[in-house]
C-alpha atoms as a PDB file:
ATOM      1  CA  MET A   1      11.652  21.033  29.354  1.00  0.00           C
ATOM      2  CA  THR A   2       9.440  23.900  30.388  1.00  0.00           C
ATOM      3  CA  THR A   3       6.331  23.479  32.506  1.00  0.00           C
ATOM      4  CA  VAL A   4       4.115  24.509  29.588  1.00  0.00           C
ATOM      5  CA  VAL A   5       5.633  21.853  27.329  1.00  0.00           C
ATOM      6  CA  GLN A   6       5.313  19.197  30.032  1.00  0.00           C
ATOM      7  CA  GLU A   7       1.655  20.124  30.588  1.00  0.00           C
ATOM      8  CA  PHE A   8       1.027  19.959  26.853  1.00  0.00           C
ATOM      9  CA  LEU A   9       2.586  16.491  26.650  1.00  0.00           C
ATOM     10  CA  ASN A  10       0.619  15.270  29.668  1.00  0.00           C
ATOM     11  CA  THR A  11      -2.607  16.491  28.058  1.00  0.00           C
ATOM     12  CA  PHE A  12      -1.590  14.932  24.742  1.00  0.00           C
ATOM     13  CA  ASP A  13      -1.003  11.567  26.439  1.00  0.00           C
ATOM     14  CA  CYS A  14      -4.543  11.617  27.864  1.00  0.00           C
ATOM     15  CA  LEU A  15      -6.250  12.150  24.499  1.00  0.00           C
ATOM     16  CA  PRO A  16      -7.830   9.393  22.425  1.00  0.00           C
ATOM     17  CA  ASP A  17      -5.655   8.003  19.628  1.00  0.00           C
ATOM     18  CA  SER A  18      -7.620   9.796  16.891  1.00  0.00           C
ATOM     19  CA  GLU A  19      -7.014  13.209  18.481  1.00  0.00           C
ATOM     20  CA  ARG A  20      -3.352  12.413  19.189  1.00  0.00           C
ATOM     21  CA  LEU A  21      -2.904  11.543  15.520  1.00  0.00           C
ATOM     22  CA  GLU A  22      -4.588  14.785  14.467  1.00  0.00           C
ATOM     23  CA  ILE A  23      -2.301  16.843  16.712  1.00  0.00           C
ATOM     24  CA  ALA A  24       0.805  14.935  15.602  1.00  0.00           C
ATOM     25  CA  LEU A  25      -0.010  15.611  11.942  1.00  0.00           C
ATOM     26  CA  GLU A  26      -0.522  19.321  12.613  1.00  0.00           C
ATOM     27  CA  ILE A  27       2.772  19.561  14.508  1.00  0.00           C
ATOM     28  CA  LEU A  28       4.629  17.768  11.702  1.00  0.00           C
ATOM     29  CA  LYS A  29       3.159  20.191   9.150  1.00  0.00           C
ATOM     30  CA  ARG A  30       4.334  23.147  11.232  1.00  0.00           C
ATOM     31  CA  VAL A  31       7.879  21.929  11.901  1.00  0.00           C
ATOM     32  CA  MET A  32       8.493  20.593   8.412  1.00  0.00           C
ATOM     33  CA  ASN A  33       9.950  23.902   7.217  1.00  0.00           C
ATOM     34  CA  LEU A  34      11.998  24.771  10.309  1.00  0.00           C
ATOM     35  CA  ASP A  35      15.696  25.195   9.695  1.00  0.00           C
ATOM     36  CA  PHE A  36      17.279  22.503  11.880  1.00  0.00           C
ATOM     37  CA  PRO A  37      21.059  22.437  12.246  1.00  0.00           C
ATOM     38  CA  PRO A  38      22.711  19.387  10.688  1.00  0.00           C
ATOM     39  CA  LEU A  39      23.331  16.445  12.988  1.00  0.00           C
ATOM     40  CA  SER A  40      26.908  15.723  13.947  1.00  0.00           C
ATOM     41  CA  ASN A  41      28.432  12.305  13.330  1.00  0.00           C
ATOM     42  CA  GLU A  42      28.218  11.670  17.075  1.00  0.00           C
ATOM     43  CA  ASP A  43      24.492  12.478  17.069  1.00  0.00           C
ATOM     44  CA  LEU A  44      23.935  10.134  14.126  1.00  0.00           C
ATOM     45  CA  VAL A  45      25.834   7.303  15.813  1.00  0.00           C
ATOM     46  CA  LEU A  46      23.943   7.757  19.099  1.00  0.00           C
ATOM     47  CA  ASN A  47      20.590   7.769  17.303  1.00  0.00           C
ATOM     48  CA  ALA A  48      21.505   4.717  15.225  1.00  0.00           C
ATOM     49  CA  GLU A  49      22.611   2.892  18.371  1.00  0.00           C
ATOM     50  CA  ALA A  50      19.334   3.699  20.117  1.00  0.00           C
ATOM     51  CA  ILE A  51      17.356   2.433  17.122  1.00  0.00           C
ATOM     52  CA  PHE A  52      19.309  -0.823  16.903  1.00  0.00           C
ATOM     53  CA  LEU A  53      19.020  -1.420  20.650  1.00  0.00           C
ATOM     54  CA  GLU A  54      15.263  -0.906  20.455  1.00  0.00           C
ATOM     55  CA  LEU A  55      15.012  -3.263  17.476  1.00  0.00           C
ATOM     56  CA  ASP A  56      17.023  -5.898  19.350  1.00  0.00           C
ATOM     57  CA  LYS A  57      14.709  -5.517  22.358  1.00  0.00           C
ATOM     58  CA  GLN A  58      11.607  -5.862  20.204  1.00  0.00           C
ATOM     59  CA  GLU A  59      13.070  -8.886  18.452  1.00  0.00           C
ATOM     60  CA  SER A  60      13.899 -10.614  21.740  1.00  0.00           C
ATOM     61  CA  ASP A  61      10.424  -9.786  23.099  1.00  0.00           C
ATOM     62  CA  TYR A  62       8.899 -11.351  19.991  1.00  0.00           C
ATOM     63  CA  GLU A  63      10.801 -14.629  20.384  1.00  0.00           C
END
């Protein structure tokens, strides 16, 4: 991650929720039409695993 990106993220983290939401929506609008390469099966499995692990953690925290 470049220094500029890290600085942007640090600034973003310090903003109030309303401004963070506004920025997030603008970024989503701008990246929506980018041509991303397809995910490999390995990428899909790793992402699914991360999601399920997070859901398990949240579920155990809730109990």
